[in-house]
mmCIF file of all heavy atoms, coordinates in Angstrom:
data_MODEL
# 
_entry.id   MODEL 
# 
loop_
_atom_site.group_PDB 
_atom_site.id 
_atom_site.type_symbol 
_atom_site.label_atom_id 
_atom_site.label_alt_id 
_atom_site.label_comp_id 
_atom_site.label_asym_id 
_atom_site.label_entity_id 
_atom_site.label_seq_id 
_atom_site.pdbx_PDB_ins_code 
_atom_site.Cartn_x 
_atom_site.Cartn_y 
_atom_site.Cartn_z 
_atom_site.occupancy 
_atom_site.B_iso_or_equiv 
_atom_site.pdbx_formal_charge 
_atom_site.auth_seq_id 
_atom_site.auth_comp_id 
_atom_site.auth_asym_id 
_atom_site.auth_atom_id 
_atom_site.pdbx_PDB_model_num 
ATOM 1   N N   . ASN A 1 1  ? -1.322 2.167   8.988   1.00 0.00 ? 1  ASN A N   1 
ATOM 2   C CA  . ASN A 1 1  ? -0.764 0.792   9.173   1.00 0.00 ? 1  ASN A CA  1 
ATOM 3   C C   . ASN A 1 1  ? 0.235  0.396   8.080   1.00 0.00 ? 1  ASN A C   1 
ATOM 4   O O   . ASN A 1 1  ? 0.078  0.780   6.966   1.00 0.00 ? 1  ASN A O   1 
ATOM 5   C CB  . ASN A 1 1  ? -1.880 -0.206  9.195   1.00 0.00 ? 1  ASN A CB  1 
ATOM 6   C CG  . ASN A 1 1  ? -2.851 -0.081  10.305  1.00 0.00 ? 1  ASN A CG  1 
ATOM 7   O OD1 . ASN A 1 1  ? -2.653 -0.601  11.440  1.00 0.00 ? 1  ASN A OD1 1 
ATOM 8   N ND2 . ASN A 1 1  ? -3.928 0.570   10.121  1.00 0.00 ? 1  ASN A ND2 1 
ATOM 9   N N   . THR A 1 2  ? 1.428  -0.153  8.489   1.00 0.00 ? 2  THR A N   1 
ATOM 10  C CA  . THR A 1 2  ? 2.354  -0.538  7.549   1.00 0.00 ? 2  THR A CA  1 
ATOM 11  C C   . THR A 1 2  ? 1.911  -1.576  6.526   1.00 0.00 ? 2  THR A C   1 
ATOM 12  O O   . THR A 1 2  ? 2.009  -1.551  5.374   1.00 0.00 ? 2  THR A O   1 
ATOM 13  C CB  . THR A 1 2  ? 3.613  -1.085  8.219   1.00 0.00 ? 2  THR A CB  1 
ATOM 14  O OG1 . THR A 1 2  ? 4.156  -0.130  9.164   1.00 0.00 ? 2  THR A OG1 1 
ATOM 15  C CG2 . THR A 1 2  ? 4.733  -1.357  7.250   1.00 0.00 ? 2  THR A CG2 1 
ATOM 16  N N   . TYR A 1 3  ? 1.096  -2.625  7.211   1.00 0.00 ? 3  TYR A N   1 
ATOM 17  C CA  . TYR A 1 3  ? 0.587  -3.675  6.391   1.00 0.00 ? 3  TYR A CA  1 
ATOM 18  C C   . TYR A 1 3  ? -1.005 -3.673  6.634   1.00 0.00 ? 3  TYR A C   1 
ATOM 19  O O   . TYR A 1 3  ? -1.448 -2.914  7.440   1.00 0.00 ? 3  TYR A O   1 
ATOM 20  C CB  . TYR A 1 3  ? 1.206  -5.058  6.744   1.00 0.00 ? 3  TYR A CB  1 
ATOM 21  C CG  . TYR A 1 3  ? 2.652  -5.112  6.500   1.00 0.00 ? 3  TYR A CG  1 
ATOM 22  C CD1 . TYR A 1 3  ? 3.578  -4.891  7.523   1.00 0.00 ? 3  TYR A CD1 1 
ATOM 23  C CD2 . TYR A 1 3  ? 3.135  -5.252  5.154   1.00 0.00 ? 3  TYR A CD2 1 
ATOM 24  C CE1 . TYR A 1 3  ? 4.938  -4.890  7.281   1.00 0.00 ? 3  TYR A CE1 1 
ATOM 25  C CE2 . TYR A 1 3  ? 4.492  -5.276  4.971   1.00 0.00 ? 3  TYR A CE2 1 
ATOM 26  C CZ  . TYR A 1 3  ? 5.385  -5.084  5.991   1.00 0.00 ? 3  TYR A CZ  1 
ATOM 27  O OH  . TYR A 1 3  ? 6.832  -5.114  5.771   1.00 0.00 ? 3  TYR A OH  1 
ATOM 28  N N   . LEU A 1 4  ? -1.693 -4.585  5.922   1.00 0.00 ? 4  LEU A N   1 
ATOM 29  C CA  . LEU A 1 4  ? -3.091 -4.550  6.008   1.00 0.00 ? 4  LEU A CA  1 
ATOM 30  C C   . LEU A 1 4  ? -3.646 -4.755  7.425   1.00 0.00 ? 4  LEU A C   1 
ATOM 31  O O   . LEU A 1 4  ? -4.638 -4.185  7.727   1.00 0.00 ? 4  LEU A O   1 
ATOM 32  C CB  . LEU A 1 4  ? -3.708 -5.545  4.995   1.00 0.00 ? 4  LEU A CB  1 
ATOM 33  C CG  . LEU A 1 4  ? -3.743 -5.242  3.477   1.00 0.00 ? 4  LEU A CG  1 
ATOM 34  C CD1 . LEU A 1 4  ? -4.201 -6.394  2.635   1.00 0.00 ? 4  LEU A CD1 1 
ATOM 35  C CD2 . LEU A 1 4  ? -4.614 -4.020  3.371   1.00 0.00 ? 4  LEU A CD2 1 
ATOM 36  N N   . ALA A 1 5  ? -3.084 -5.683  8.111   1.00 0.00 ? 5  ALA A N   1 
ATOM 37  C CA  . ALA A 1 5  ? -3.665 -5.988  9.456   1.00 0.00 ? 5  ALA A CA  1 
ATOM 38  C C   . ALA A 1 5  ? -2.873 -5.394  10.591  1.00 0.00 ? 5  ALA A C   1 
ATOM 39  O O   . ALA A 1 5  ? -2.978 -5.840  11.760  1.00 0.00 ? 5  ALA A O   1 
ATOM 40  C CB  . ALA A 1 5  ? -3.607 -7.443  9.654   1.00 0.00 ? 5  ALA A CB  1 
ATOM 41  N N   . GLY A 1 6  ? -2.005 -4.369  10.280  1.00 0.00 ? 6  GLY A N   1 
ATOM 42  C CA  . GLY A 1 6  ? -1.283 -3.733  11.391  1.00 0.00 ? 6  GLY A CA  1 
ATOM 43  C C   . GLY A 1 6  ? 0.220  -3.526  10.914  1.00 0.00 ? 6  GLY A C   1 
ATOM 44  O O   . GLY A 1 6  ? 0.535  -3.227  9.723   1.00 0.00 ? 6  GLY A O   1 
ATOM 45  N N   . ASP A 1 7  ? 1.152  -3.711  11.854  1.00 0.00 ? 7  ASP A N   1 
ATOM 46  C CA  . ASP A 1 7  ? 2.617  -3.398  11.620  1.00 0.00 ? 7  ASP A CA  1 
ATOM 47  C C   . ASP A 1 7  ? 3.329  -4.574  11.215  1.00 0.00 ? 7  ASP A C   1 
ATOM 48  O O   . ASP A 1 7  ? 4.549  -4.537  10.957  1.00 0.00 ? 7  ASP A O   1 
ATOM 49  C CB  . ASP A 1 7  ? 3.209  -2.701  12.789  1.00 0.00 ? 7  ASP A CB  1 
ATOM 50  C CG  . ASP A 1 7  ? 2.542  -1.310  12.995  1.00 0.00 ? 7  ASP A CG  1 
ATOM 51  O OD1 . ASP A 1 7  ? 2.244  -0.631  12.085  1.00 0.00 ? 7  ASP A OD1 1 
ATOM 52  O OD2 . ASP A 1 7  ? 2.537  -0.873  14.148  1.00 0.00 ? 7  ASP A OD2 1 
ATOM 53  N N   . GLU A 1 8  ? 2.588  -5.774  11.122  1.00 0.00 ? 8  GLU A N   1 
ATOM 54  C CA  . GLU A 1 8  ? 3.383  -6.967  10.708  1.00 0.00 ? 8  GLU A CA  1 
ATOM 55  C C   . GLU A 1 8  ? 2.775  -7.471  9.427   1.00 0.00 ? 8  GLU A C   1 
ATOM 56  O O   . GLU A 1 8  ? 1.586  -7.476  9.160   1.00 0.00 ? 8  GLU A O   1 
ATOM 57  C CB  . GLU A 1 8  ? 3.251  -8.012  11.884  1.00 0.00 ? 8  GLU A CB  1 
ATOM 58  C CG  . GLU A 1 8  ? 3.889  -7.688  13.107  1.00 0.00 ? 8  GLU A CG  1 
ATOM 59  C CD  . GLU A 1 8  ? 3.895  -8.892  14.125  1.00 0.00 ? 8  GLU A CD  1 
ATOM 60  O OE1 . GLU A 1 8  ? 3.384  -9.979  13.837  1.00 0.00 ? 8  GLU A OE1 1 
ATOM 61  O OE2 . GLU A 1 8  ? 4.318  -8.686  15.315  1.00 0.00 ? 8  GLU A OE2 1 
ATOM 62  N N   . TYR A 1 9  ? 3.749  -8.085  8.632   1.00 0.00 ? 9  TYR A N   1 
ATOM 63  C CA  . TYR A 1 9  ? 3.451  -8.686  7.389   1.00 0.00 ? 9  TYR A CA  1 
ATOM 64  C C   . TYR A 1 9  ? 2.798  -10.051 7.641   1.00 0.00 ? 9  TYR A C   1 
ATOM 65  O O   . TYR A 1 9  ? 3.187  -10.771 8.408   1.00 0.00 ? 9  TYR A O   1 
ATOM 66  C CB  . TYR A 1 9  ? 4.688  -8.894  6.661   1.00 0.00 ? 9  TYR A CB  1 
ATOM 67  C CG  . TYR A 1 9  ? 4.622  -9.609  5.250   1.00 0.00 ? 9  TYR A CG  1 
ATOM 68  C CD1 . TYR A 1 9  ? 4.008  -9.073  4.145   1.00 0.00 ? 9  TYR A CD1 1 
ATOM 69  C CD2 . TYR A 1 9  ? 5.206  -10.918 5.181   1.00 0.00 ? 9  TYR A CD2 1 
ATOM 70  C CE1 . TYR A 1 9  ? 4.058  -9.807  2.983   1.00 0.00 ? 9  TYR A CE1 1 
ATOM 71  C CE2 . TYR A 1 9  ? 5.163  -11.636 4.017   1.00 0.00 ? 9  TYR A CE2 1 
ATOM 72  C CZ  . TYR A 1 9  ? 4.555  -11.070 2.911   1.00 0.00 ? 9  TYR A CZ  1 
ATOM 73  O OH  . TYR A 1 9  ? 4.630  -11.816 1.730   1.00 0.00 ? 9  TYR A OH  1 
ATOM 74  N N   . THR A 1 10 ? 1.642  -10.358 7.077   1.00 0.00 ? 10 THR A N   1 
ATOM 75  C CA  . THR A 1 10 ? 0.879  -11.647 7.386   1.00 0.00 ? 10 THR A CA  1 
ATOM 76  C C   . THR A 1 10 ? 0.259  -12.115 6.165   1.00 0.00 ? 10 THR A C   1 
ATOM 77  O O   . THR A 1 10 ? 0.363  -11.632 5.030   1.00 0.00 ? 10 THR A O   1 
ATOM 78  C CB  . THR A 1 10 ? -0.262 -11.262 8.387   1.00 0.00 ? 10 THR A CB  1 
ATOM 79  O OG1 . THR A 1 10 ? -1.288 -10.485 7.740   1.00 0.00 ? 10 THR A OG1 1 
ATOM 80  C CG2 . THR A 1 10 ? 0.198  -10.547 9.618   1.00 0.00 ? 10 THR A CG2 1 
ATOM 81  N N   . ILE A 1 11 ? -0.510 -13.256 6.337   1.00 0.00 ? 11 ILE A N   1 
ATOM 82  C CA  . ILE A 1 11 ? -1.142 -13.946 5.211   1.00 0.00 ? 11 ILE A CA  1 
ATOM 83  C C   . ILE A 1 11 ? -2.319 -12.998 4.623   1.00 0.00 ? 11 ILE A C   1 
ATOM 84  O O   . ILE A 1 11 ? -2.569 -13.266 3.470   1.00 0.00 ? 11 ILE A O   1 
ATOM 85  C CB  . ILE A 1 11 ? -1.817 -15.227 5.647   1.00 0.00 ? 11 ILE A CB  1 
ATOM 86  C CG1 . ILE A 1 11 ? -2.773 -15.101 6.802   1.00 0.00 ? 11 ILE A CG1 1 
ATOM 87  C CG2 . ILE A 1 11 ? -0.707 -16.272 6.096   1.00 0.00 ? 11 ILE A CG2 1 
ATOM 88  C CD1 . ILE A 1 11 ? -3.638 -16.354 7.245   1.00 0.00 ? 11 ILE A CD1 1 
ATOM 89  N N   . ALA A 1 12 ? -2.665 -12.007 5.381   1.00 0.00 ? 12 ALA A N   1 
ATOM 90  C CA  . ALA A 1 12 ? -3.630 -11.024 4.710   1.00 0.00 ? 12 ALA A CA  1 
ATOM 91  C C   . ALA A 1 12 ? -2.925 -10.311 3.515   1.00 0.00 ? 12 ALA A C   1 
ATOM 92  O O   . ALA A 1 12 ? -3.622 -10.097 2.433   1.00 0.00 ? 12 ALA A O   1 
ATOM 93  C CB  . ALA A 1 12 ? -4.174 -10.044 5.697   1.00 0.00 ? 12 ALA A CB  1 
ATOM 94  N N   . ASP A 1 13 ? -1.679 -9.882  3.698   1.00 0.00 ? 13 ASP A N   1 
ATOM 95  C CA  . ASP A 1 13 ? -0.902 -9.233  2.624   1.00 0.00 ? 13 ASP A CA  1 
ATOM 96  C C   . ASP A 1 13 ? -0.629 -10.263 1.473   1.00 0.00 ? 13 ASP A C   1 
ATOM 97  O O   . ASP A 1 13 ? -0.750 -9.900  0.389   1.00 0.00 ? 13 ASP A O   1 
ATOM 98  C CB  . ASP A 1 13 ? 0.412  -8.691  3.174   1.00 0.00 ? 13 ASP A CB  1 
ATOM 99  C CG  . ASP A 1 13 ? 0.168  -7.761  4.231   1.00 0.00 ? 13 ASP A CG  1 
ATOM 100 O OD1 . ASP A 1 13 ? -0.356 -6.550  4.082   1.00 0.00 ? 13 ASP A OD1 1 
ATOM 101 O OD2 . ASP A 1 13 ? 0.447  -8.117  5.443   1.00 0.00 ? 13 ASP A OD2 1 
ATOM 102 N N   . ILE A 1 14 ? -0.290 -11.465 1.849   1.00 0.00 ? 14 ILE A N   1 
ATOM 103 C CA  . ILE A 1 14 ? 0.136  -12.407 0.879   1.00 0.00 ? 14 ILE A CA  1 
ATOM 104 C C   . ILE A 1 14 ? -1.171 -12.795 -0.015  1.00 0.00 ? 14 ILE A C   1 
ATOM 105 O O   . ILE A 1 14 ? -1.071 -12.982 -1.236  1.00 0.00 ? 14 ILE A O   1 
ATOM 106 C CB  . ILE A 1 14 ? 0.642  -13.803 1.533   1.00 0.00 ? 14 ILE A CB  1 
ATOM 107 C CG1 . ILE A 1 14 ? 2.005  -13.516 2.193   1.00 0.00 ? 14 ILE A CG1 1 
ATOM 108 C CG2 . ILE A 1 14 ? 0.686  -14.878 0.549   1.00 0.00 ? 14 ILE A CG2 1 
ATOM 109 C CD1 . ILE A 1 14 ? 2.451  -14.581 2.985   1.00 0.00 ? 14 ILE A CD1 1 
ATOM 110 N N   . SER A 1 15 ? -2.341 -12.770 0.608   1.00 0.00 ? 15 SER A N   1 
ATOM 111 C CA  . SER A 1 15 ? -3.555 -13.132 -0.108  1.00 0.00 ? 15 SER A CA  1 
ATOM 112 C C   . SER A 1 15 ? -3.900 -12.038 -1.075  1.00 0.00 ? 15 SER A C   1 
ATOM 113 O O   . SER A 1 15 ? -4.466 -12.295 -2.212  1.00 0.00 ? 15 SER A O   1 
ATOM 114 C CB  . SER A 1 15 ? -4.709 -13.400 0.939   1.00 0.00 ? 15 SER A CB  1 
ATOM 115 O OG  . SER A 1 15 ? -5.811 -13.635 0.279   1.00 0.00 ? 15 SER A OG  1 
ATOM 116 N N   . THR A 1 16 ? -3.647 -10.754 -0.658  1.00 0.00 ? 16 THR A N   1 
ATOM 117 C CA  . THR A 1 16 ? -4.228 -9.585  -1.412  1.00 0.00 ? 16 THR A CA  1 
ATOM 118 C C   . THR A 1 16 ? -3.265 -9.070  -2.434  1.00 0.00 ? 16 THR A C   1 
ATOM 119 O O   . THR A 1 16 ? -3.672 -8.668  -3.625  1.00 0.00 ? 16 THR A O   1 
ATOM 120 C CB  . THR A 1 16 ? -4.531 -8.458  -0.447  1.00 0.00 ? 16 THR A CB  1 
ATOM 121 O OG1 . THR A 1 16 ? -5.283 -8.966  0.699   1.00 0.00 ? 16 THR A OG1 1 
ATOM 122 C CG2 . THR A 1 16 ? -5.382 -7.392  -1.115  1.00 0.00 ? 16 THR A CG2 1 
ATOM 123 N N   . TRP A 1 17 ? -1.953 -9.128  -2.247  1.00 0.00 ? 17 TRP A N   1 
ATOM 124 C CA  . TRP A 1 17 ? -0.973 -8.475  -3.085  1.00 0.00 ? 17 TRP A CA  1 
ATOM 125 C C   . TRP A 1 17 ? -1.062 -9.082  -4.535  1.00 0.00 ? 17 TRP A C   1 
ATOM 126 O O   . TRP A 1 17 ? -1.005 -8.230  -5.533  1.00 0.00 ? 17 TRP A O   1 
ATOM 127 C CB  . TRP A 1 17 ? 0.417  -8.556  -2.527  1.00 0.00 ? 17 TRP A CB  1 
ATOM 128 C CG  . TRP A 1 17 ? 1.453  -7.927  -3.452  1.00 0.00 ? 17 TRP A CG  1 
ATOM 129 C CD1 . TRP A 1 17 ? 1.650  -6.648  -3.550  1.00 0.00 ? 17 TRP A CD1 1 
ATOM 130 C CD2 . TRP A 1 17 ? 2.331  -8.713  -4.286  1.00 0.00 ? 17 TRP A CD2 1 
ATOM 131 N NE1 . TRP A 1 17 ? 2.805  -6.543  -4.436  1.00 0.00 ? 17 TRP A NE1 1 
ATOM 132 C CE2 . TRP A 1 17 ? 3.232  -7.723  -4.944  1.00 0.00 ? 17 TRP A CE2 1 
ATOM 133 C CE3 . TRP A 1 17 ? 2.710  -9.973  -4.525  1.00 0.00 ? 17 TRP A CE3 1 
ATOM 134 C CZ2 . TRP A 1 17 ? 4.232  -8.047  -5.782  1.00 0.00 ? 17 TRP A CZ2 1 
ATOM 135 C CZ3 . TRP A 1 17 ? 3.661  -10.415 -5.328  1.00 0.00 ? 17 TRP A CZ3 1 
ATOM 136 C CH2 . TRP A 1 17 ? 4.443  -9.433  -5.930  1.00 0.00 ? 17 TRP A CH2 1 
ATOM 137 N N   . PRO A 1 18 ? -1.103 -10.372 -4.762  1.00 0.00 ? 18 PRO A N   1 
ATOM 138 C CA  . PRO A 1 18 ? -1.132 -10.939 -6.174  1.00 0.00 ? 18 PRO A CA  1 
ATOM 139 C C   . PRO A 1 18 ? -2.312 -10.443 -7.012  1.00 0.00 ? 18 PRO A C   1 
ATOM 140 O O   . PRO A 1 18 ? -2.268 -10.370 -8.228  1.00 0.00 ? 18 PRO A O   1 
ATOM 141 C CB  . PRO A 1 18 ? -1.226 -12.437 -5.951  1.00 0.00 ? 18 PRO A CB  1 
ATOM 142 C CG  . PRO A 1 18 ? -0.714 -12.631 -4.579  1.00 0.00 ? 18 PRO A CG  1 
ATOM 143 C CD  . PRO A 1 18 ? -1.161 -11.567 -3.695  1.00 0.00 ? 18 PRO A CD  1 
ATOM 144 N N   . TRP A 1 19 ? -3.434 -10.029 -6.320  1.00 0.00 ? 19 TRP A N   1 
ATOM 145 C CA  . TRP A 1 19 ? -4.558 -9.373  -7.023  1.00 0.00 ? 19 TRP A CA  1 
ATOM 146 C C   . TRP A 1 19 ? -4.245 -7.964  -7.342  1.00 0.00 ? 19 TRP A C   1 
ATOM 147 O O   . TRP A 1 19 ? -4.492 -7.545  -8.496  1.00 0.00 ? 19 TRP A O   1 
ATOM 148 C CB  . TRP A 1 19 ? -5.908 -9.562  -6.250  1.00 0.00 ? 19 TRP A CB  1 
ATOM 149 C CG  . TRP A 1 19 ? -6.408 -11.020 -6.399  1.00 0.00 ? 19 TRP A CG  1 
ATOM 150 C CD1 . TRP A 1 19 ? -6.369 -12.086 -5.512  1.00 0.00 ? 19 TRP A CD1 1 
ATOM 151 C CD2 . TRP A 1 19 ? -7.119 -11.470 -7.568  1.00 0.00 ? 19 TRP A CD2 1 
ATOM 152 N NE1 . TRP A 1 19 ? -7.078 -13.053 -6.044  1.00 0.00 ? 19 TRP A NE1 1 
ATOM 153 C CE2 . TRP A 1 19 ? -7.449 -12.778 -7.332  1.00 0.00 ? 19 TRP A CE2 1 
ATOM 154 C CE3 . TRP A 1 19 ? -7.516 -10.926 -8.836  1.00 0.00 ? 19 TRP A CE3 1 
ATOM 155 C CZ2 . TRP A 1 19 ? -8.277 -13.587 -8.224  1.00 0.00 ? 19 TRP A CZ2 1 
ATOM 156 C CZ3 . TRP A 1 19 ? -8.203 -11.627 -9.696  1.00 0.00 ? 19 TRP A CZ3 1 
ATOM 157 C CH2 . TRP A 1 19 ? -8.544 -12.948 -9.423  1.00 0.00 ? 19 TRP A CH2 1 
ATOM 158 N N   . VAL A 1 20 ? -4.006 -7.131  -6.288  1.00 0.00 ? 20 VAL A N   1 
ATOM 159 C CA  . VAL A 1 20 ? -3.860 -5.719  -6.501  1.00 0.00 ? 20 VAL A CA  1 
ATOM 160 C C   . VAL A 1 20 ? -2.696 -5.417  -7.484  1.00 0.00 ? 20 VAL A C   1 
ATOM 161 O O   . VAL A 1 20 ? -2.886 -4.436  -8.232  1.00 0.00 ? 20 VAL A O   1 
ATOM 162 C CB  . VAL A 1 20 ? -3.622 -5.054  -5.184  1.00 0.00 ? 20 VAL A CB  1 
ATOM 163 C CG1 . VAL A 1 20 ? -3.517 -3.592  -5.355  1.00 0.00 ? 20 VAL A CG1 1 
ATOM 164 C CG2 . VAL A 1 20 ? -4.806 -5.389  -4.137  1.00 0.00 ? 20 VAL A CG2 1 
ATOM 165 N N   . ARG A 1 21 ? -1.688 -6.147  -7.525  1.00 0.00 ? 21 ARG A N   1 
ATOM 166 C CA  . ARG A 1 21 ? -0.696 -5.859  -8.449  1.00 0.00 ? 21 ARG A CA  1 
ATOM 167 C C   . ARG A 1 21 ? -1.030 -5.946  -9.901  1.00 0.00 ? 21 ARG A C   1 
ATOM 168 O O   . ARG A 1 21 ? -0.377 -5.270  -10.758 1.00 0.00 ? 21 ARG A O   1 
ATOM 169 C CB  . ARG A 1 21 ? 0.585  -6.911  -8.179  1.00 0.00 ? 21 ARG A CB  1 
ATOM 170 C CG  . ARG A 1 21 ? 0.326  -8.272  -8.529  1.00 0.00 ? 21 ARG A CG  1 
ATOM 171 C CD  . ARG A 1 21 ? 1.449  -9.135  -8.241  1.00 0.00 ? 21 ARG A CD  1 
ATOM 172 N NE  . ARG A 1 21 ? 2.525  -8.979  -9.278  1.00 0.00 ? 21 ARG A NE  1 
ATOM 173 C CZ  . ARG A 1 21 ? 2.621  -9.723  -10.380 1.00 0.00 ? 21 ARG A CZ  1 
ATOM 174 N NH1 . ARG A 1 21 ? 1.617  -10.493 -10.729 1.00 0.00 ? 21 ARG A NH1 1 
ATOM 175 N NH2 . ARG A 1 21 ? 3.549  -9.445  -11.218 1.00 0.00 ? 21 ARG A NH2 1 
ATOM 176 N N   . ILE A 1 22 ? -2.082 -6.539  -10.176 1.00 0.00 ? 22 ILE A N   1 
ATOM 177 C CA  . ILE A 1 22 ? -2.670 -6.598  -11.660 1.00 0.00 ? 22 ILE A CA  1 
ATOM 178 C C   . ILE A 1 22 ? -3.730 -5.686  -11.881 1.00 0.00 ? 22 ILE A C   1 
ATOM 179 O O   . ILE A 1 22 ? -4.565 -5.950  -12.852 1.00 0.00 ? 22 ILE A O   1 
ATOM 180 C CB  . ILE A 1 22 ? -2.997 -8.093  -12.041 1.00 0.00 ? 22 ILE A CB  1 
ATOM 181 C CG1 . ILE A 1 22 ? -4.138 -8.631  -11.198 1.00 0.00 ? 22 ILE A CG1 1 
ATOM 182 C CG2 . ILE A 1 22 ? -1.722 -8.964  -11.926 1.00 0.00 ? 22 ILE A CG2 1 
ATOM 183 C CD1 . ILE A 1 22 ? -4.825 -9.858  -11.841 1.00 0.00 ? 22 ILE A CD1 1 
ATOM 184 N N   . HIS A 1 23 ? -3.806 -4.670  -11.109 1.00 0.00 ? 23 HIS A N   1 
ATOM 185 C CA  . HIS A 1 23 ? -4.957 -3.664  -11.290 1.00 0.00 ? 23 HIS A CA  1 
ATOM 186 C C   . HIS A 1 23 ? -5.069 -3.102  -12.683 1.00 0.00 ? 23 HIS A C   1 
ATOM 187 O O   . HIS A 1 23 ? -6.200 -2.909  -13.156 1.00 0.00 ? 23 HIS A O   1 
ATOM 188 C CB  . HIS A 1 23 ? -4.729 -2.506  -10.282 1.00 0.00 ? 23 HIS A CB  1 
ATOM 189 C CG  . HIS A 1 23 ? -3.626 -1.622  -10.499 1.00 0.00 ? 23 HIS A CG  1 
ATOM 190 N ND1 . HIS A 1 23 ? -3.537 -0.524  -11.371 1.00 0.00 ? 23 HIS A ND1 1 
ATOM 191 C CD2 . HIS A 1 23 ? -2.316 -1.828  -10.080 1.00 0.00 ? 23 HIS A CD2 1 
ATOM 192 C CE1 . HIS A 1 23 ? -2.329 -0.031  -11.430 1.00 0.00 ? 23 HIS A CE1 1 
ATOM 193 N NE2 . HIS A 1 23 ? -1.603 -0.711  -10.588 1.00 0.00 ? 23 HIS A NE2 1 
ATOM 194 N N   . GLU A 1 24 ? -3.903 -2.912  -13.392 1.00 0.00 ? 24 GLU A N   1 
ATOM 195 C CA  . GLU A 1 24 ? -4.013 -2.356  -14.761 1.00 0.00 ? 24 GLU A CA  1 
ATOM 196 C C   . GLU A 1 24 ? -4.745 -3.294  -15.646 1.00 0.00 ? 24 GLU A C   1 
ATOM 197 O O   . GLU A 1 24 ? -5.435 -2.947  -16.575 1.00 0.00 ? 24 GLU A O   1 
ATOM 198 C CB  . GLU A 1 24 ? -2.638 -2.111  -15.262 1.00 0.00 ? 24 GLU A CB  1 
ATOM 199 C CG  . GLU A 1 24 ? -2.026 -0.857  -14.531 1.00 0.00 ? 24 GLU A CG  1 
ATOM 200 C CD  . GLU A 1 24 ? -0.632 -0.471  -15.147 1.00 0.00 ? 24 GLU A CD  1 
ATOM 201 O OE1 . GLU A 1 24 ? -0.133 -1.232  -16.046 1.00 0.00 ? 24 GLU A OE1 1 
ATOM 202 O OE2 . GLU A 1 24 ? -0.054 0.529   -14.839 1.00 0.00 ? 24 GLU A OE2 1 
ATOM 203 N N   . TRP A 1 25 ? -4.556 -4.609  -15.521 1.00 0.00 ? 25 TRP A N   1 
ATOM 204 C CA  . TRP A 1 25 ? -5.063 -5.736  -16.320 1.00 0.00 ? 25 TRP A CA  1 
ATOM 205 C C   . TRP A 1 25 ? -6.643 -5.692  -16.136 1.00 0.00 ? 25 TRP A C   1 
ATOM 206 O O   . TRP A 1 25 ? -7.454 -5.983  -17.038 1.00 0.00 ? 25 TRP A O   1 
ATOM 207 C CB  . TRP A 1 25 ? -4.473 -7.063  -16.012 1.00 0.00 ? 25 TRP A CB  1 
ATOM 208 C CG  . TRP A 1 25 ? -4.963 -8.149  -16.924 1.00 0.00 ? 25 TRP A CG  1 
ATOM 209 C CD1 . TRP A 1 25 ? -5.904 -9.130  -16.572 1.00 0.00 ? 25 TRP A CD1 1 
ATOM 210 C CD2 . TRP A 1 25 ? -4.582 -8.346  -18.296 1.00 0.00 ? 25 TRP A CD2 1 
ATOM 211 N NE1 . TRP A 1 25 ? -6.043 -9.904  -17.683 1.00 0.00 ? 25 TRP A NE1 1 
ATOM 212 C CE2 . TRP A 1 25 ? -5.275 -9.445  -18.715 1.00 0.00 ? 25 TRP A CE2 1 
ATOM 213 C CE3 . TRP A 1 25 ? -3.779 -7.655  -19.123 1.00 0.00 ? 25 TRP A CE3 1 
ATOM 214 C CZ2 . TRP A 1 25 ? -5.140 -9.910  -20.058 1.00 0.00 ? 25 TRP A CZ2 1 
ATOM 215 C CZ3 . TRP A 1 25 ? -3.683 -8.165  -20.387 1.00 0.00 ? 25 TRP A CZ3 1 
ATOM 216 C CH2 . TRP A 1 25 ? -4.326 -9.191  -20.878 1.00 0.00 ? 25 TRP A CH2 1 
# 
């Protein structure tokens, strides 16, 4: 899948990205 819930960018991606991007922290 391109995005978390399929092929469209959605609030699922918006919700998750700010957390995953700080994985090193």
